[in-house]
Amino acid sequence: MSAELSIILLNAVIILIAYVWVYPTLAGKNINKIAALDCVTSGLALVIVANKYWGQGIEFTLFQFELNWFWFTLISYSIIEIPIALWYFKAKLSKGK
């Protein structure tokens, strides 16, 4: 498995757990709690990837751009999360208003 694919899968798993279990359970409809927990979950992804790739000098390719582990993780996390977050906010937070 390539390094890029392993990071993308890690991000997808973290986001899936966050939006299926963590956010509904711990934050409910409180947007401020969701934002705080989102910082924690994205930080978790960065910490896990940093543990493996910090100081290695490995370049990651994303859309023909060479990035270090930090930017690759952050950008790929955002690309995966944005559509899921929009769906979540539309489906969950608009109910009952």
PDB file of N, CA and C in Angstrom:
ATOM      1  N   MET A   1       0.852  -1.169   0.000  1.00  0.00           N
ATOM      2  CA  MET A   1       0.000   0.000   0.000  1.00  0.00           C
ATOM      3  C   MET A   1       0.901   1.236   0.000  1.00  0.00           C
ATOM      4  N   SER A   2       0.569   2.197  -0.849  1.00  0.00           N
ATOM      5  CA  SER A   2       1.382   3.409  -0.925  1.00  0.00           C
ATOM      6  C   SER A   2       1.152   4.278   0.306  1.00  0.00           C
ATOM      7  N   ALA A   3       2.093   5.154   0.567  1.00  0.00           N
ATOM      8  CA  ALA A   3       1.984   6.054   1.714  1.00  0.00           C
ATOM      9  C   ALA A   3       0.772   6.966   1.565  1.00  0.00           C
ATOM     10  N   GLU A   4       0.532   7.448   0.347  1.00  0.00           N
ATOM     11  CA  GLU A   4      -0.618   8.317   0.109  1.00  0.00           C
ATOM     12  C   GLU A   4      -1.928   7.600   0.421  1.00  0.00           C
ATOM     13  N   LEU A   5      -2.051   6.372  -0.045  1.00  0.00           N
ATOM     14  CA  LEU A   5      -3.277   5.614   0.185  1.00  0.00           C
ATOM     15  C   LEU A   5      -3.480   5.324   1.668  1.00  0.00           C
ATOM     16  N   SER A   6      -2.418   5.023   2.385  1.00  0.00           N
ATOM     17  CA  SER A   6      -2.561   4.744   3.818  1.00  0.00           C
ATOM     18  C   SER A   6      -3.035   5.985   4.573  1.00  0.00           C
ATOM     19  N   ILE A   7      -2.552   7.158   4.194  1.00  0.00           N
ATOM     20  CA  ILE A   7      -2.994   8.396   4.845  1.00  0.00           C
ATOM     21  C   ILE A   7      -4.445   8.691   4.490  1.00  0.00           C
ATOM     22  N   ILE A   8      -4.813   8.496   3.238  1.00  0.00           N
ATOM     23  CA  ILE A   8      -6.194   8.741   2.819  1.00  0.00           C
ATOM     24  C   ILE A   8      -7.148   7.790   3.538  1.00  0.00           C
ATOM     25  N   LEU A   9      -6.781   6.528   3.669  1.00  0.00           N
ATOM     26  CA  LEU A   9      -7.620   5.571   4.397  1.00  0.00           C
ATOM     27  C   LEU A   9      -7.722   5.932   5.877  1.00  0.00           C
ATOM     28  N   LEU A  10      -6.620   6.348   6.476  1.00  0.00           N
ATOM     29  CA  LEU A  10      -6.649   6.789   7.869  1.00  0.00           C
ATOM     30  C   LEU A  10      -7.607   7.963   8.035  1.00  0.00           C
ATOM     31  N   ASN A  11      -7.490   8.953   7.155  1.00  0.00           N
ATOM     32  CA  ASN A  11      -8.381  10.111   7.212  1.00  0.00           C
ATOM     33  C   ASN A  11      -9.839   9.694   7.067  1.00  0.00           C
ATOM     34  N   ALA A  12     -10.119   8.807   6.123  1.00  0.00           N
ATOM     35  CA  ALA A  12     -11.492   8.364   5.894  1.00  0.00           C
ATOM     36  C   ALA A  12     -12.061   7.645   7.115  1.00  0.00           C
ATOM     37  N   VAL A  13     -11.262   6.810   7.743  1.00  0.00           N
ATOM     38  CA  VAL A  13     -11.725   6.084   8.932  1.00  0.00           C
ATOM     39  C   VAL A  13     -11.987   7.052  10.085  1.00  0.00           C
ATOM     40  N   ILE A  14     -11.088   7.998  10.307  1.00  0.00           N
ATOM     41  CA  ILE A  14     -11.276   8.975  11.383  1.00  0.00           C
ATOM     42  C   ILE A  14     -12.533   9.799  11.138  1.00  0.00           C
ATOM     43  N   ILE A  15     -12.731  10.247   9.914  1.00  0.00           N
ATOM     44  CA  ILE A  15     -13.910  11.053   9.586  1.00  0.00           C
ATOM     45  C   ILE A  15     -15.184  10.229   9.741  1.00  0.00           C
ATOM     46  N   LEU A  16     -15.168   8.993   9.296  1.00  0.00           N
ATOM     47  CA  LEU A  16     -16.334   8.122   9.430  1.00  0.00           C
ATOM     48  C   LEU A  16     -16.710   7.934  10.900  1.00  0.00           C
ATOM     49  N   ILE A  17     -15.747   7.626  11.733  1.00  0.00           N
ATOM     50  CA  ILE A  17     -16.018   7.455  13.168  1.00  0.00           C
ATOM     51  C   ILE A  17     -16.524   8.755  13.774  1.00  0.00           C
ATOM     52  N   ALA A  18     -15.931   9.870  13.373  1.00  0.00           N
ATOM     53  CA  ALA A  18     -16.335  11.164  13.921  1.00  0.00           C
ATOM     54  C   ALA A  18     -17.788  11.488  13.590  1.00  0.00           C
ATOM     55  N   TYR A  19     -18.178  11.337  12.337  1.00  0.00           N
ATOM     56  CA  TYR A  19     -19.519  11.748  11.922  1.00  0.00           C
ATOM     57  C   TYR A  19     -20.600  10.724  12.228  1.00  0.00           C
ATOM     58  N   VAL A  20     -20.225   9.474  12.428  1.00  0.00           N
ATOM     59  CA  VAL A  20     -21.220   8.453  12.751  1.00  0.00           C
ATOM     60  C   VAL A  20     -21.411   8.316  14.258  1.00  0.00           C
ATOM     61  N   TRP A  21     -20.338   8.462  15.022  1.00  0.00           N
ATOM     62  CA  TRP A  21     -20.442   8.205  16.455  1.00  0.00           C
ATOM     63  C   TRP A  21     -20.078   9.403  17.328  1.00  0.00           C
ATOM     64  N   VAL A  22     -18.906   9.993  17.134  1.00  0.00           N
ATOM     65  CA  VAL A  22     -18.400  11.012  18.060  1.00  0.00           C
ATOM     66  C   VAL A  22     -19.266  12.270  18.059  1.00  0.00           C
ATOM     67  N   TYR A  23     -19.490  12.861  16.911  1.00  0.00           N
ATOM     68  CA  TYR A  23     -20.238  14.119  16.868  1.00  0.00           C
ATOM     69  C   TYR A  23     -21.686  13.959  17.322  1.00  0.00           C
ATOM     70  N   PRO A  24     -22.427  12.956  16.832  1.00  0.00           N
ATOM     71  CA  PRO A  24     -23.804  12.815  17.326  1.00  0.00           C
ATOM     72  C   PRO A  24     -23.878  12.521  18.825  1.00  0.00           C
ATOM     73  N   THR A  25     -22.920  11.758  19.334  1.00  0.00           N
ATOM     74  CA  THR A  25     -22.956  11.378  20.745  1.00  0.00           C
ATOM     75  C   THR A  25     -22.495  12.503  21.665  1.00  0.00           C
ATOM     76  N   LEU A  26     -21.380  13.132  21.343  1.00  0.00           N
ATOM     77  CA  LEU A  26     -20.783  14.109  22.251  1.00  0.00           C
ATOM     78  C   LEU A  26     -21.193  15.553  21.983  1.00  0.00           C
ATOM     79  N   ALA A  27     -21.546  15.882  20.746  1.00  0.00           N
ATOM     80  CA  ALA A  27     -21.838  17.278  20.417  1.00  0.00           C
ATOM     81  C   ALA A  27     -23.314  17.536  20.176  1.00  0.00           C
ATOM     82  N   GLY A  28     -24.038  16.530  19.740  1.00  0.00           N
ATOM     83  CA  GLY A  28     -25.447  16.745  19.428  1.00  0.00           C
ATOM     84  C   GLY A  28     -25.601  17.764  18.316  1.00  0.00           C
ATOM     85  N   LYS A  29     -26.398  18.807  18.573  1.00  0.00           N
ATOM     86  CA  LYS A  29     -26.612  19.856  17.577  1.00  0.00           C
ATOM     87  C   LYS A  29     -25.822  21.123  17.880  1.00  0.00           C
ATOM     88  N   ASN A  30     -24.917  21.063  18.836  1.00  0.00           N
ATOM     89  CA  ASN A  30     -24.123  22.231  19.220  1.00  0.00           C
ATOM     90  C   ASN A  30     -22.961  22.409  18.242  1.00  0.00           C
ATOM     91  N   ILE A  31     -23.059  23.425  17.405  1.00  0.00           N
ATOM     92  CA  ILE A  31     -22.059  23.657  16.361  1.00  0.00           C
ATOM     93  C   ILE A  31     -20.687  23.979  16.952  1.00  0.00           C
ATOM     94  N   ASN A  32     -20.644  24.631  18.102  1.00  0.00           N
ATOM     95  CA  ASN A  32     -19.361  24.949  18.733  1.00  0.00           C
ATOM     96  C   ASN A  32     -18.651  23.686  19.215  1.00  0.00           C
ATOM     97  N   LYS A  33     -19.405  22.746  19.758  1.00  0.00           N
ATOM     98  CA  LYS A  33     -18.807  21.475  20.177  1.00  0.00           C
ATOM     99  C   LYS A  33     -18.329  20.676  18.970  1.00  0.00           C
ATOM    100  N   ILE A  34     -19.115  20.713  17.897  1.00  0.00           N
ATOM    101  CA  ILE A  34     -18.705  20.010  16.678  1.00  0.00           C
ATOM    102  C   ILE A  34     -17.396  20.593  16.159  1.00  0.00           C
ATOM    103  N   ALA A  35     -17.291  21.918  16.153  1.00  0.00           N
ATOM    104  CA  ALA A  35     -16.062  22.568  15.675  1.00  0.00           C
ATOM    105  C   ALA A  35     -14.867  22.191  16.548  1.00  0.00           C
ATOM    106  N   ALA A  36     -15.063  22.182  17.863  1.00  0.00           N
ATOM    107  CA  ALA A  36     -13.970  21.820  18.766  1.00  0.00           C
ATOM    108  C   ALA A  36     -13.563  20.356  18.577  1.00  0.00           C
ATOM    109  N   LEU A  37     -14.543  19.484  18.471  1.00  0.00           N
ATOM    110  CA  LEU A  37     -14.239  18.067  18.259  1.00  0.00           C
ATOM    111  C   LEU A  37     -13.604  17.828  16.895  1.00  0.00           C
ATOM    112  N   ASP A  38     -13.969  18.640  15.914  1.00  0.00           N
ATOM    113  CA  ASP A  38     -13.355  18.511  14.594  1.00  0.00           C
ATOM    114  C   ASP A  38     -11.877  18.878  14.644  1.00  0.00           C
ATOM    115  N   CYS A  39     -11.539  19.872  15.446  1.00  0.00           N
ATOM    116  CA  CYS A  39     -10.116  20.205  15.632  1.00  0.00           C
ATOM    117  C   CYS A  39      -9.371  19.033  16.267  1.00  0.00           C
ATOM    118  N   VAL A  40     -10.018  18.369  17.204  1.00  0.00           N
ATOM    119  CA  VAL A  40      -9.397  17.212  17.856  1.00  0.00           C
ATOM    120  C   VAL A  40      -9.213  16.068  16.863  1.00  0.00           C
ATOM    121  N   THR A  41     -10.239  15.783  16.060  1.00  0.00           N
ATOM    122  CA  THR A  41     -10.129  14.659  15.129  1.00  0.00           C
ATOM    123  C   THR A  41      -9.109  14.924  14.024  1.00  0.00           C
ATOM    124  N   SER A  42      -9.087  16.140  13.503  1.00  0.00           N
ATOM    125  CA  SER A  42      -8.074  16.441  12.478  1.00  0.00           C
ATOM    126  C   SER A  42      -6.680  16.454  13.099  1.00  0.00           C
ATOM    127  N   GLY A  43      -6.584  16.923  14.333  1.00  0.00           N
ATOM    128  CA  GLY A  43      -5.305  16.873  15.043  1.00  0.00           C
ATOM    129  C   GLY A  43      -4.849  15.446  15.285  1.00  0.00           C
ATOM    130  N   LEU A  44      -5.792  14.558  15.563  1.00  0.00           N
ATOM    131  CA  LEU A  44      -5.461  13.144  15.744  1.00  0.00           C
ATOM    132  C   LEU A  44      -4.852  12.566  14.472  1.00  0.00           C
ATOM    133  N   ALA A  45      -5.442  12.886  13.336  1.00  0.00           N
ATOM    134  CA  ALA A  45      -4.889  12.408  12.061  1.00  0.00           C
ATOM    135  C   ALA A  45      -3.468  12.929  11.868  1.00  0.00           C
ATOM    136  N   LEU A  46      -3.249  14.201  12.169  1.00  0.00           N
ATOM    137  CA  LEU A  46      -1.911  14.782  12.015  1.00  0.00           C
ATOM    138  C   LEU A  46      -0.901  14.135  12.958  1.00  0.00           C
ATOM    139  N   VAL A  47      -1.305  13.858  14.187  1.00  0.00           N
ATOM    140  CA  VAL A  47      -0.396  13.235  15.156  1.00  0.00           C
ATOM    141  C   VAL A  47      -0.019  11.820  14.714  1.00  0.00           C
ATOM    142  N   ILE A  48      -0.997  11.063  14.237  1.00  0.00           N
ATOM    143  CA  ILE A  48      -0.710   9.694  13.799  1.00  0.00           C
ATOM    144  C   ILE A  48       0.238   9.695  12.607  1.00  0.00           C
ATOM    145  N   VAL A  49      -0.026  10.565  11.634  1.00  0.00           N
ATOM    146  CA  VAL A  49       0.838  10.623  10.448  1.00  0.00           C
ATOM    147  C   VAL A  49       2.213  11.168  10.811  1.00  0.00           C
ATOM    148  N   ALA A  50       2.266  12.157  11.700  1.00  0.00           N
ATOM    149  CA  ALA A  50       3.557  12.714  12.126  1.00  0.00           C
ATOM    150  C   ALA A  50       4.411  11.653  12.793  1.00  0.00           C
ATOM    151  N   ASN A  51       3.775  10.790  13.564  1.00  0.00           N
ATOM    152  CA  ASN A  51       4.506   9.731  14.244  1.00  0.00           C
ATOM    153  C   ASN A  51       5.270   8.844  13.256  1.00  0.00           C
ATOM    154  N   LYS A  52       4.720   8.680  12.076  1.00  0.00           N
ATOM    155  CA  LYS A  52       5.366   7.818  11.083  1.00  0.00           C
ATOM    156  C   LYS A  52       6.295   8.578  10.132  1.00  0.00           C
ATOM    157  N   TYR A  53       5.922   9.794   9.715  1.00  0.00           N
ATOM    158  CA  TYR A  53       6.630  10.448   8.618  1.00  0.00           C
ATOM    159  C   TYR A  53       7.432  11.696   8.993  1.00  0.00           C
ATOM    160  N   TRP A  54       7.315  12.213  10.210  1.00  0.00           N
ATOM    161  CA  TRP A  54       8.050  13.422  10.583  1.00  0.00           C
ATOM    162  C   TRP A  54       9.554  13.158  10.497  1.00  0.00           C
ATOM    163  N   GLY A  55      10.247  14.013   9.787  1.00  0.00           N
ATOM    164  CA  GLY A  55      11.690  13.904   9.658  1.00  0.00           C
ATOM    165  C   GLY A  55      12.171  12.906   8.624  1.00  0.00           C
ATOM    166  N   GLN A  56      11.266  12.257   7.934  1.00  0.00           N
ATOM    167  CA  GLN A  56      11.646  11.249   6.939  1.00  0.00           C
ATOM    168  C   GLN A  56      12.007  11.862   5.593  1.00  0.00           C
ATOM    169  N   GLY A  57      11.518  13.061   5.310  1.00  0.00           N
ATOM    170  CA  GLY A  57      11.806  13.703   4.032  1.00  0.00           C
ATOM    171  C   GLY A  57      11.059  13.102   2.859  1.00  0.00           C
ATOM    172  N   ILE A  58      10.000  12.379   3.137  1.00  0.00           N
ATOM    173  CA  ILE A  58       9.211  11.753   2.073  1.00  0.00           C
ATOM    174  C   ILE A  58       8.266  12.791   1.478  1.00  0.00           C
ATOM    175  N   GLU A  59       8.201  12.825   0.153  1.00  0.00           N
ATOM    176  CA  GLU A  59       7.286  13.715  -0.556  1.00  0.00           C
ATOM    177  C   GLU A  59       6.040  12.931  -0.964  1.00  0.00           C
ATOM    178  N   PHE A  60       4.897  13.559  -0.831  1.00  0.00           N
ATOM    179  CA  PHE A  60       3.619  12.959  -1.198  1.00  0.00           C
ATOM    180  C   PHE A  60       3.048  13.713  -2.386  1.00  0.00           C
ATOM    181  N   THR A  61       2.445  12.990  -3.307  1.00  0.00           N
ATOM    182  CA  THR A  61       1.887  13.603  -4.505  1.00  0.00           C
ATOM    183  C   THR A  61       0.377  13.725  -4.368  1.00  0.00           C
ATOM    184  N   LEU A  62      -0.114  14.951  -4.562  1.00  0.00           N
ATOM    185  CA  LEU A  62      -1.548  15.219  -4.544  1.00  0.00           C
ATOM    186  C   LEU A  62      -1.859  16.135  -5.710  1.00  0.00           C
ATOM    187  N   PHE A  63      -2.600  15.628  -6.679  1.00  0.00           N
ATOM    188  CA  PHE A  63      -2.945  16.398  -7.886  1.00  0.00           C
ATOM    189  C   PHE A  63      -1.705  16.978  -8.553  1.00  0.00           C
ATOM    190  N   GLN A  64      -0.695  16.192  -8.709  1.00  0.00           N
ATOM    191  CA  GLN A  64       0.574  16.519  -9.359  1.00  0.00           C
ATOM    192  C   GLN A  64       1.400  17.553  -8.594  1.00  0.00           C
ATOM    193  N   PHE A  65       1.084  17.790  -7.339  1.00  0.00           N
ATOM    194  CA  PHE A  65       1.884  18.663  -6.485  1.00  0.00           C
ATOM    195  C   PHE A  65       2.614  17.805  -5.466  1.00  0.00           C
ATOM    196  N   GLU A  66       3.875  18.138  -5.218  1.00  0.00           N
ATOM    197  CA  GLU A  66       4.662  17.441  -4.200  1.00  0.00           C
ATOM    198  C   GLU A  66       4.476  18.167  -2.869  1.00  0.00           C
ATOM    199  N   LEU A  67       4.025  17.437  -1.861  1.00  0.00           N
ATOM    200  CA  LEU A  67       3.743  18.009  -0.545  1.00  0.00           C
ATOM    201  C   LEU A  67       4.449  17.197   0.529  1.00  0.00           C
ATOM    202  N   ASN A  68       4.696  17.827   1.673  1.00  0.00           N
ATOM    203  CA  ASN A  68       5.208  17.058   2.800  1.00  0.00           C
ATOM    204  C   ASN A  68       4.028  16.388   3.514  1.00  0.00           C
ATOM    205  N   TRP A  69       4.320  15.592   4.523  1.00  0.00           N
ATOM    206  CA  TRP A  69       3.285  14.809   5.196  1.00  0.00           C
ATOM    207  C   TRP A  69       2.206  15.695   5.811  1.00  0.00           C
ATOM    208  N   PHE A  70       2.600  16.843   6.372  1.00  0.00           N
ATOM    209  CA  PHE A  70       1.641  17.715   7.044  1.00  0.00           C
ATOM    210  C   PHE A  70       0.587  18.220   6.072  1.00  0.00           C
ATOM    211  N   TRP A  71       1.035  18.822   4.968  1.00  0.00           N
ATOM    212  CA  TRP A  71       0.095  19.409   4.012  1.00  0.00           C
ATOM    213  C   TRP A  71      -0.715  18.340   3.297  1.00  0.00           C
ATOM    214  N   PHE A  72      -0.093  17.218   2.983  1.00  0.00           N
ATOM    215  CA  PHE A  72      -0.840  16.139   2.335  1.00  0.00           C
ATOM    216  C   PHE A  72      -1.960  15.651   3.248  1.00  0.00           C
ATOM    217  N   THR A  73      -1.667  15.445   4.518  1.00  0.00           N
ATOM    218  CA  THR A  73      -2.670  14.970   5.467  1.00  0.00           C
ATOM    219  C   THR A  73      -3.779  15.991   5.640  1.00  0.00           C
ATOM    220  N   LEU A  74      -3.413  17.240   5.837  1.00  0.00           N
ATOM    221  CA  LEU A  74      -4.409  18.284   6.073  1.00  0.00           C
ATOM    222  C   LEU A  74      -5.305  18.502   4.854  1.00  0.00           C
ATOM    223  N   ILE A  75      -4.724  18.573   3.675  1.00  0.00           N
ATOM    224  CA  ILE A  75      -5.516  18.815   2.462  1.00  0.00           C
ATOM    225  C   ILE A  75      -6.388  17.610   2.124  1.00  0.00           C
ATOM    226  N   SER A  76      -5.829  16.413   2.209  1.00  0.00           N
ATOM    227  CA  SER A  76      -6.643  15.229   1.903  1.00  0.00           C
ATOM    228  C   SER A  76      -7.753  15.051   2.940  1.00  0.00           C
ATOM    229  N   TYR A  77      -7.488  15.362   4.195  1.00  0.00           N
ATOM    230  CA  TYR A  77      -8.513  15.314   5.235  1.00  0.00           C
ATOM    231  C   TYR A  77      -9.646  16.273   4.891  1.00  0.00           C
ATOM    232  N   SER A  78      -9.288  17.484   4.486  1.00  0.00           N
ATOM    233  CA  SER A  78     -10.297  18.489   4.145  1.00  0.00           C
ATOM    234  C   SER A  78     -11.118  18.082   2.930  1.00  0.00           C
ATOM    235  N   ILE A  79     -10.462  17.535   1.925  1.00  0.00           N
ATOM    236  CA  ILE A  79     -11.171  17.112   0.713  1.00  0.00           C
ATOM    237  C   ILE A  79     -12.183  16.011   1.029  1.00  0.00           C
ATOM    238  N   ILE A  80     -11.829  15.109   1.909  1.00  0.00           N
ATOM    239  CA  ILE A  80     -12.744  14.033   2.294  1.00  0.00           C
ATOM    240  C   ILE A  80     -13.845  14.567   3.202  1.00  0.00           C
ATOM    241  N   GLU A  81     -13.490  15.461   4.113  1.00  0.00           N
ATOM    242  CA  GLU A  81     -14.439  15.892   5.133  1.00  0.00           C
ATOM    243  C   GLU A  81     -15.487  16.878   4.636  1.00  0.00           C
ATOM    244  N   ILE A  82     -15.147  17.782   3.763  1.00  0.00           N
ATOM    245  CA  ILE A  82     -16.074  18.856   3.386  1.00  0.00           C
ATOM    246  C   ILE A  82     -17.418  18.326   2.876  1.00  0.00           C
ATOM    247  N   PRO A  83     -17.469  17.396   1.927  1.00  0.00           N
ATOM    248  CA  PRO A  83     -18.793  16.911   1.494  1.00  0.00           C
ATOM    249  C   PRO A  83     -19.565  16.204   2.607  1.00  0.00           C
ATOM    250  N   ILE A  84     -18.858  15.468   3.452  1.00  0.00           N
ATOM    251  CA  ILE A  84     -19.519  14.768   4.557  1.00  0.00           C
ATOM    252  C   ILE A  84     -20.040  15.772   5.580  1.00  0.00           C
ATOM    253  N   ALA A  85     -19.271  16.805   5.858  1.00  0.00           N
ATOM    254  CA  ALA A  85     -19.704  17.835   6.801  1.00  0.00           C
ATOM    255  C   ALA A  85     -20.934  18.575   6.278  1.00  0.00           C
ATOM    256  N   LEU A  86     -20.937  18.908   5.005  1.00  0.00           N
ATOM    257  CA  LEU A  86     -22.099  19.589   4.426  1.00  0.00           C
ATOM    258  C   LEU A  86     -23.345  18.720   4.526  1.00  0.00           C
ATOM    259  N   TRP A  87     -23.196  17.423   4.227  1.00  0.00           N
ATOM    260  CA  TRP A  87     -24.324  16.510   4.367  1.00  0.00           C
ATOM    261  C   TRP A  87     -24.789  16.446   5.825  1.00  0.00           C
ATOM    262  N   TYR A  88     -23.847  16.325   6.748  1.00  0.00           N
ATOM    263  CA  TYR A  88     -24.173  16.201   8.169  1.00  0.00           C
ATOM    264  C   TYR A  88     -24.921  17.437   8.661  1.00  0.00           C
ATOM    265  N   PHE A  89     -24.412  18.616   8.313  1.00  0.00           N
ATOM    266  CA  PHE A  89     -25.057  19.848   8.766  1.00  0.00           C
ATOM    267  C   PHE A  89     -26.457  19.975   8.182  1.00  0.00           C
ATOM    268  N   LYS A  90     -26.611  19.611   6.929  1.00  0.00           N
ATOM    269  CA  LYS A  90     -27.924  19.698   6.293  1.00  0.00           C
ATOM    270  C   LYS A  90     -28.889  18.680   6.894  1.00  0.00           C
ATOM    271  N   ALA A  91     -28.430  17.468   7.103  1.00  0.00           N
ATOM    272  CA  ALA A  91     -29.304  16.391   7.580  1.00  0.00           C
ATOM    273  C   ALA A  91     -29.584  16.459   9.075  1.00  0.00           C
ATOM    274  N   LYS A  92     -28.576  16.742   9.863  1.00  0.00           N
ATOM    275  CA  LYS A  92     -28.722  16.636  11.314  1.00  0.00           C
ATOM    276  C   LYS A  92     -29.036  17.963  11.997  1.00  0.00           C
ATOM    277  N   LEU A  93     -28.371  19.018  11.597  1.00  0.00           N
ATOM    278  CA  LEU A  93     -28.521  20.277  12.322  1.00  0.00           C
ATOM    279  C   LEU A  93     -29.756  21.055  11.907  1.00  0.00           C
ATOM    280  N   SER A  94     -30.287  20.795  10.725  1.00  0.00           N
ATOM    281  CA  SER A  94     -31.475  21.529  10.295  1.00  0.00           C
ATOM    282  C   SER A  94     -32.758  20.903  10.828  1.00  0.00           C
ATOM    283  N   LYS A  95     -32.687  19.671  11.348  1.00  0.00           N
ATOM    284  CA  LYS A  95     -33.871  19.016  11.906  1.00  0.00           C
ATOM    285  C   LYS A  95     -34.306  19.719  13.185  1.00  0.00           C
ATOM    286  N   GLY A  96     -35.595  19.932  13.303  1.00  0.00           N
ATOM    287  CA  GLY A  96     -36.130  20.485  14.534  1.00  0.00           C
ATOM    288  C   GLY A  96     -36.037  21.983  14.655  1.00  0.00           C
ATOM    289  N   LYS A  97     -35.650  22.672  13.605  1.00  0.00           N
ATOM    290  CA  LYS A  97     -35.590  24.137  13.695  1.00  0.00           C
ATOM    291  C   LYS A  97     -36.870  24.737  13.195  1.00  0.00           C
TER     292      LYS A  97
END
